[in-house]
C-alpha atoms as a PDB file:
ATOM      1  CA  MET A   1      -5.175   7.052 -27.855  1.00  0.00           C
ATOM      2  CA  ARG A   2      -5.428   8.945 -24.559  1.00  0.00           C
ATOM      3  CA  PRO A   3      -4.865   6.370 -21.783  1.00  0.00           C
ATOM      4  CA  ARG A   4      -6.303   6.610 -18.270  1.00  0.00           C
ATOM      5  CA  VAL A   5      -6.370   4.320 -15.263  1.00  0.00           C
ATOM      6  CA  GLN A   6      -9.818   3.120 -14.202  1.00  0.00           C
ATOM      7  CA  LEU A   7     -11.310   0.749 -11.610  1.00  0.00           C
ATOM      8  CA  ILE A   8     -13.798  -1.767 -13.011  1.00  0.00           C
ATOM      9  CA  ARG A   9     -16.087  -4.013 -10.984  1.00  0.00           C
ATOM     10  CA  TRP A  10     -17.323  -6.488 -13.582  1.00  0.00           C
ATOM     11  CA  PRO A  11     -16.613  -9.340 -14.274  1.00  0.00           C
ATOM     12  CA  ARG A  12     -14.008  -9.038 -11.516  1.00  0.00           C
ATOM     13  CA  ARG A  13     -12.606  -6.016  -9.690  1.00  0.00           C
ATOM     14  CA  ALA A  14      -9.455  -4.809 -11.418  1.00  0.00           C
ATOM     15  CA  VAL A  15      -7.421  -1.739 -12.269  1.00  0.00           C
ATOM     16  CA  VAL A  16      -7.365  -1.274 -16.046  1.00  0.00           C
ATOM     17  CA  LEU A  17      -5.747   1.031 -18.563  1.00  0.00           C
ATOM     18  CA  THR A  18      -8.418   2.280 -20.942  1.00  0.00           C
ATOM     19  CA  ASP A  19      -8.927   4.727 -23.790  1.00  0.00           C
ATOM     20  CA  THR A  20     -10.380   8.203 -23.185  1.00  0.00           C
ATOM     21  CA  PRO A  21     -12.461  10.287 -25.632  1.00  0.00           C
ATOM     22  CA  ASP A  22     -10.713  13.247 -27.219  1.00  0.00           C
ATOM     23  CA  PRO A  23     -11.890  16.380 -25.345  1.00  0.00           C
ATOM     24  CA  LYS A  24     -11.393  18.523 -28.477  1.00  0.00           C
ATOM     25  CA  CYS A  25     -13.423  16.297 -30.817  1.00  0.00           C
ATOM     26  CA  PRO A  26     -15.793  18.438 -32.928  1.00  0.00           C
ATOM     27  CA  LEU A  27     -18.288  15.583 -33.388  1.00  0.00           C
ATOM     28  CA  CYS A  28     -18.961  14.571 -29.778  1.00  0.00           C
ATOM     29  CA  ASP A  29     -17.462  17.491 -27.773  1.00  0.00           C
ATOM     30  CA  GLY A  30     -15.446  15.028 -25.673  1.00  0.00           C
ATOM     31  CA  ASP A  31     -18.376  12.823 -24.593  1.00  0.00           C
ATOM     32  CA  GLY A  32     -17.209   9.804 -26.601  1.00  0.00           C
ATOM     33  CA  GLY A  33     -20.499   9.454 -28.416  1.00  0.00           C
ATOM     34  CA  ILE A  34     -23.571  11.149 -29.798  1.00  0.00           C
ATOM     35  CA  SER A  35     -26.969  10.637 -28.162  1.00  0.00           C
ATOM     36  CA  ARG A  36     -30.181  10.907 -30.143  1.00  0.00           C
ATOM     37  CA  ASP A  37     -33.643  11.004 -28.619  1.00  0.00           C
ATOM     38  CA  TYR A  38     -36.441   9.219 -30.454  1.00  0.00           C
ATOM     39  CA  GLY A  39     -40.179   9.005 -30.082  1.00  0.00           C
ATOM     40  CA  ASP A  40     -42.895   6.429 -30.469  1.00  0.00           C
ATOM     41  CA  PRO A  41     -44.149   6.552 -34.086  1.00  0.00           C
ATOM     42  CA  GLU A  42     -47.798   6.098 -33.063  1.00  0.00           C
ATOM     43  CA  THR A  43     -48.072   8.594 -30.198  1.00  0.00           C
ATOM     44  CA  GLY A  44     -45.075  10.857 -30.748  1.00  0.00           C
ATOM     45  CA  GLU A  45     -44.147  10.515 -27.069  1.00  0.00           C
ATOM     46  CA  TYR A  46     -40.549  10.149 -25.911  1.00  0.00           C
ATOM     47  CA  ALA A  47     -39.519   6.488 -26.174  1.00  0.00           C
ATOM     48  CA  GLY A  48     -35.811   6.483 -25.380  1.00  0.00           C
ATOM     49  CA  THR A  49     -32.331   7.533 -26.400  1.00  0.00           C
ATOM     50  CA  ASP A  50     -29.887   5.903 -28.789  1.00  0.00           C
ATOM     51  CA  TRP A  51     -26.181   6.362 -28.127  1.00  0.00           C
ATOM     52  CA  GLU A  52     -23.740   6.046 -30.995  1.00  0.00           C
ATOM     53  CA  PRO A  53     -20.005   5.887 -30.171  1.00  0.00           C
ATOM     54  CA  CYS A  54     -17.734   8.468 -31.790  1.00  0.00           C
ATOM     55  CA  THR A  55     -14.691   7.629 -33.925  1.00  0.00           C
ATOM     56  CA  CYS A  56     -12.363   9.509 -31.529  1.00  0.00           C
ATOM     57  CA  TRP A  57     -12.778   6.817 -28.875  1.00  0.00           C
ATOM     58  CA  ASP A  58     -12.718   3.034 -28.699  1.00  0.00           C
ATOM     59  CA  GLY A  59     -14.457   1.805 -25.553  1.00  0.00           C
ATOM     60  CA  THR A  60     -13.374  -1.791 -26.161  1.00  0.00           C
ATOM     61  CA  ARG A  61      -9.667  -1.003 -25.754  1.00  0.00           C
ATOM     62  CA  ARG A  62      -8.685  -1.876 -22.194  1.00  0.00           C
ATOM     63  CA  TRP A  63      -5.856  -3.756 -20.580  1.00  0.00           C
ATOM     64  CA  VAL A  64      -5.928  -5.222 -17.075  1.00  0.00           C
ATOM     65  CA  LEU A  65      -3.039  -3.855 -15.033  1.00  0.00           C
ATOM     66  CA  LEU A  66      -3.819  -5.344 -11.641  1.00  0.00           C
ATOM     67  CA  PRO A  67      -6.569  -7.811 -10.662  1.00  0.00           C
ATOM     68  CA  LEU A  68      -7.867  -6.979  -7.182  1.00  0.00           C
ATOM     69  CA  PRO A  69      -8.769  -9.563  -4.543  1.00  0.00           C
ATOM     70  CA  ARG A  70     -12.381 -10.175  -3.647  1.00  0.00           C
ATOM     71  CA  TRP A  71     -13.437  -8.709  -0.325  1.00  0.00           C
ATOM     72  CA  PHE A  72     -15.736 -10.808   1.792  1.00  0.00           C
ATOM     73  CA  ARG A  73     -18.045  -9.138   4.260  1.00  0.00           C
ATOM     74  CA  ARG A  74     -17.492 -10.123   7.818  1.00  0.00           C
ATOM     75  CA  THR A  75     -20.614 -11.310   9.527  1.00  0.00           C
ATOM     76  CA  SER A  76     -20.994 -11.366  13.234  1.00  0.00           C
ATOM     77  CA  THR A  77     -21.703 -14.699  14.872  1.00  0.00           C
ATOM     78  CA  HIS A  78     -22.593 -12.920  18.103  1.00  0.00           C
ATOM     79  CA  TYR A  79     -26.376 -13.357  18.529  1.00  0.00           C
ATOM     80  CA  SER A  80     -26.812 -11.807  21.941  1.00  0.00           C
ATOM     81  CA  ASP A  81     -29.494  -9.161  22.644  1.00  0.00           C
ATOM     82  CA  GLU A  82     -26.893  -6.919  24.247  1.00  0.00           C
ATOM     83  CA  PRO A  83     -25.015  -4.388  22.099  1.00  0.00           C
ATOM     84  CA  PRO A  84     -21.402  -5.358  21.285  1.00  0.00           C
ATOM     85  CA  PHE A  85     -19.912  -2.302  23.095  1.00  0.00           C
END
């Protein structure tokens, strides 16, 4: 495991400790997974990309270190036509 600190925004903002892909992995070259393009069987046109996670990385391993408070946007209740400055 190669830990790193990361900020997540869903389901709630928090600082987490997560796993990092091995940069010297011969299978994925440090990307954490292998992407494969595929085509539509009828037309042969590009239809999308499948992404398969590599064994050098586990994206589900994460631990919350610090939940962050929710920030509320301040809205102005000043409805005058004049600028506020």
